[in-house]
C-alpha atoms as a PDB file:
ATOM      1  CA  MET A   1      14.311-155.654-109.524  1.00  0.00           C
ATOM      2  CA  LEU A   2      12.446-152.422-108.848  1.00  0.00           C
ATOM      3  CA  LEU A   3      10.080-150.946-111.449  1.00  0.00           C
ATOM      4  CA  ASP A   4       9.253-147.253-111.518  1.00  0.00           C
ATOM      5  CA  HIS A   5       5.799-146.892-113.119  1.00  0.00           C
ATOM      6  CA  ARG A   6       5.060-143.268-114.057  1.00  0.00           C
ATOM      7  CA  THR A   7       1.743-141.935-115.332  1.00  0.00           C
ATOM      8  CA  TYR A   8       1.455-138.413-116.722  1.00  0.00           C
ATOM      9  CA  ILE A   9      -1.732-136.526-117.594  1.00  0.00           C
ATOM     10  CA  CYS A  10      -1.547-133.703-120.135  1.00  0.00           C
ATOM     11  CA  ARG A  11      -3.929-130.853-120.758  1.00  0.00           C
ATOM     12  CA  PRO A  12      -6.419-131.876-123.465  1.00  0.00           C
ATOM     13  CA  GLY A  13      -4.962-131.533-126.927  1.00  0.00           C
ATOM     14  CA  THR A  14      -1.329-131.228-125.791  1.00  0.00           C
ATOM     15  CA  ILE A  15      -0.064-134.800-125.399  1.00  0.00           C
ATOM     16  CA  ARG A  16       1.557-134.869-128.854  1.00  0.00           C
ATOM     17  CA  LYS A  17       3.294-131.566-128.103  1.00  0.00           C
ATOM     18  CA  GLN A  18       4.569-132.881-124.748  1.00  0.00           C
ATOM     19  CA  LEU A  19       5.875-136.087-126.317  1.00  0.00           C
ATOM     20  CA  ALA A  20       7.565-134.127-129.130  1.00  0.00           C
ATOM     21  CA  LEU A  21       9.198-131.879-126.528  1.00  0.00           C
ATOM     22  CA  TYR A  22      10.428-134.946-124.645  1.00  0.00           C
ATOM     23  CA  GLN A  23      11.696-136.609-127.817  1.00  0.00           C
ATOM     24  CA  GLU A  24      13.669-133.530-128.829  1.00  0.00           C
ATOM     25  CA  TYR A  25      15.004-132.373-125.462  1.00  0.00           C
ATOM     26  CA  GLY A  26      14.613-135.130-122.848  1.00  0.00           C
ATOM     27  CA  LEU A  27      14.975-138.576-124.373  1.00  0.00           C
ATOM     28  CA  ALA A  28      18.745-138.560-124.943  1.00  0.00           C
ATOM     29  CA  ALA A  29      19.547-137.309-121.447  1.00  0.00           C
ATOM     30  CA  GLN A  30      17.114-139.656-119.752  1.00  0.00           C
ATOM     31  CA  THR A  31      18.222-142.794-121.569  1.00  0.00           C
ATOM     32  CA  ARG A  32      21.873-141.835-121.088  1.00  0.00           C
ATOM     33  CA  HIS A  33      21.354-142.201-117.329  1.00  0.00           C
ATOM     34  CA  LEU A  34      18.471-144.671-116.998  1.00  0.00           C
ATOM     35  CA  GLY A  35      18.954-146.896-120.041  1.00  0.00           C
ATOM     36  CA  MET A  36      15.985-147.717-122.239  1.00  0.00           C
ATOM     37  CA  PRO A  37      12.575-147.917-120.556  1.00  0.00           C
ATOM     38  CA  VAL A  38      10.779-151.220-120.151  1.00  0.00           C
ATOM     39  CA  ALA A  39       7.782-149.483-121.728  1.00  0.00           C
ATOM     40  CA  TYR A  40       6.795-146.012-122.967  1.00  0.00           C
ATOM     41  CA  LEU A  41       3.109-145.976-123.832  1.00  0.00           C
ATOM     42  CA  THR A  42       0.249-143.735-124.872  1.00  0.00           C
ATOM     43  CA  THR A  43      -3.364-144.531-124.098  1.00  0.00           C
ATOM     44  CA  GLU A  44      -5.434-146.298-126.747  1.00  0.00           C
ATOM     45  CA  THR A  45      -8.684-146.144-124.780  1.00  0.00           C
ATOM     46  CA  GLY A  46      -9.678-144.361-121.601  1.00  0.00           C
ATOM     47  CA  ASP A  47      -7.968-141.070-120.793  1.00  0.00           C
ATOM     48  CA  VAL A  48      -6.406-140.149-124.144  1.00  0.00           C
ATOM     49  CA  ASN A  49      -4.472-137.344-122.432  1.00  0.00           C
ATOM     50  CA  CYS A  50      -2.375-139.912-120.556  1.00  0.00           C
ATOM     51  CA  TYR A  51       0.991-141.533-121.164  1.00  0.00           C
ATOM     52  CA  VAL A  52       2.933-144.040-119.095  1.00  0.00           C
ATOM     53  CA  HIS A  53       6.521-145.117-118.873  1.00  0.00           C
ATOM     54  CA  VAL A  54       8.188-147.838-116.830  1.00  0.00           C
ATOM     55  CA  TRP A  55      11.858-147.936-115.847  1.00  0.00           C
ATOM     56  CA  ALA A  56      13.676-150.908-114.308  1.00  0.00           C
ATOM     57  CA  TYR A  57      16.357-150.702-111.628  1.00  0.00           C
ATOM     58  CA  GLU A  58      18.327-153.284-109.700  1.00  0.00           C
ATOM     59  CA  ASP A  59      17.052-151.846-106.408  1.00  0.00           C
ATOM     60  CA  ALA A  60      16.256-148.556-104.681  1.00  0.00           C
ATOM     61  CA  ALA A  61      19.937-147.585-104.423  1.00  0.00           C
ATOM     62  CA  ASP A  62      20.438-148.100-108.170  1.00  0.00           C
ATOM     63  CA  ARG A  63      17.352-145.965-108.863  1.00  0.00           C
ATOM     64  CA  GLU A  64      18.538-143.201-106.534  1.00  0.00           C
ATOM     65  CA  ARG A  65      22.031-143.146-108.077  1.00  0.00           C
ATOM     66  CA  ARG A  66      20.824-143.099-111.696  1.00  0.00           C
ATOM     67  CA  ARG A  67      18.130-140.489-111.096  1.00  0.00           C
ATOM     68  CA  ALA A  68      20.540-138.224-109.167  1.00  0.00           C
ATOM     69  CA  ALA A  69      22.956-138.311-112.108  1.00  0.00           C
ATOM     70  CA  MET A  70      20.116-137.495-114.499  1.00  0.00           C
ATOM     71  CA  GLN A  71      18.846-134.619-112.329  1.00  0.00           C
ATOM     72  CA  ALA A  72      22.351-133.076-112.433  1.00  0.00           C
ATOM     73  CA  ASP A  73      22.627-133.345-116.241  1.00  0.00           C
ATOM     74  CA  PRO A  74      22.363-129.880-117.879  1.00  0.00           C
ATOM     75  CA  GLU A  75      20.511-131.373-120.861  1.00  0.00           C
ATOM     76  CA  TRP A  76      17.860-132.884-118.551  1.00  0.00           C
ATOM     77  CA  ILE A  77      17.596-129.636-116.600  1.00  0.00           C
ATOM     78  CA  GLU A  78      16.954-127.807-119.878  1.00  0.00           C
ATOM     79  CA  PHE A  79      14.221-130.299-120.797  1.00  0.00           C
ATOM     80  CA  LEU A  80      12.547-129.778-117.408  1.00  0.00           C
ATOM     81  CA  ARG A  81      12.700-126.014-117.899  1.00  0.00           C
ATOM     82  CA  ARG A  82      11.141-126.234-121.366  1.00  0.00           C
ATOM     83  CA  SER A  83       8.481-128.671-120.155  1.00  0.00           C
ATOM     84  CA  ALA A  84       7.510-126.418-117.241  1.00  0.00           C
ATOM     85  CA  GLU A  85       7.436-123.390-119.514  1.00  0.00           C
ATOM     86  CA  ALA A  86       5.182-125.190-122.031  1.00  0.00           C
ATOM     87  CA  GLY A  87       2.734-126.129-119.273  1.00  0.00           C
ATOM     88  CA  TYR A  88       1.346-129.209-121.006  1.00  0.00           C
ATOM     89  CA  LEU A  89       1.489-131.470-117.928  1.00  0.00           C
ATOM     90  CA  VAL A  90      -1.380-131.491-115.432  1.00  0.00           C
ATOM     91  CA  SER A  91      -0.300-134.277-113.077  1.00  0.00           C
ATOM     92  CA  GLN A  92       2.152-137.092-112.490  1.00  0.00           C
ATOM     93  CA  ASN A  93       1.808-140.275-110.458  1.00  0.00           C
ATOM     94  CA  ASN A  94       4.758-142.553-109.649  1.00  0.00           C
ATOM     95  CA  SER A  95       4.558-146.062-108.250  1.00  0.00           C
ATOM     96  CA  LEU A  96       7.566-148.167-107.293  1.00  0.00           C
ATOM     97  CA  MET A  97       6.724-151.819-107.903  1.00  0.00           C
ATOM     98  CA  ARG A  98       8.315-155.268-107.709  1.00  0.00           C
ATOM     99  CA  PRO A  99       7.634-158.139-110.125  1.00  0.00           C
ATOM    100  CA  VAL A 100       5.816-161.203-108.809  1.00  0.00           C
ATOM    101  CA  ASP A 101       7.959-164.302-108.402  1.00  0.00           C
ATOM    102  CA  PHE A 102       5.782-166.652-110.500  1.00  0.00           C
ATOM    103  CA  LEU A 103       6.314-164.913-113.881  1.00  0.00           C
ATOM    104  CA  PRO A 104       9.506-163.919-115.720  1.00  0.00           C
ATOM    105  CA  GLN A 105      10.875-160.499-114.808  1.00  0.00           C
ATOM    106  CA  PRO A 106      10.870-157.731-117.418  1.00  0.00           C
ATOM    107  CA  VAL A 107      14.173-157.218-119.167  1.00  0.00           C
ATOM    108  CA  ARG A 108      16.028-154.064-118.207  1.00  0.00           C
ATOM    109  CA  ALA A 109      17.298-152.721-121.506  1.00  0.00           C
ATOM    110  CA  GLY A 110      20.439-150.692-122.020  1.00  0.00           C
ATOM    111  CA  GLY A 111      21.510-150.007-118.628  1.00  0.00           C
END
């Protein structure tokens, strides 16, 4: 299993707007190609302008195939356009990670 851990930082005061934009224009397209995320989280303490999501894939080839299909989806392209136009995002950090072998692996939902 390969986990794609993504952290996004929004301009102060815009995280709710960014998440609403995603919910309306991005969620359906993304989950259609990637399945449901392992986690989609907002920060309780620390940087309150931050949100994180984690996606699970069988391996790097599965990730590449699913993400390529998503990137070609007109609905996803429209979400990216709207998100860029809104300008709420400041930065993004992605980490590809593997679960340790001494604990149960996360369940990959819907996909």
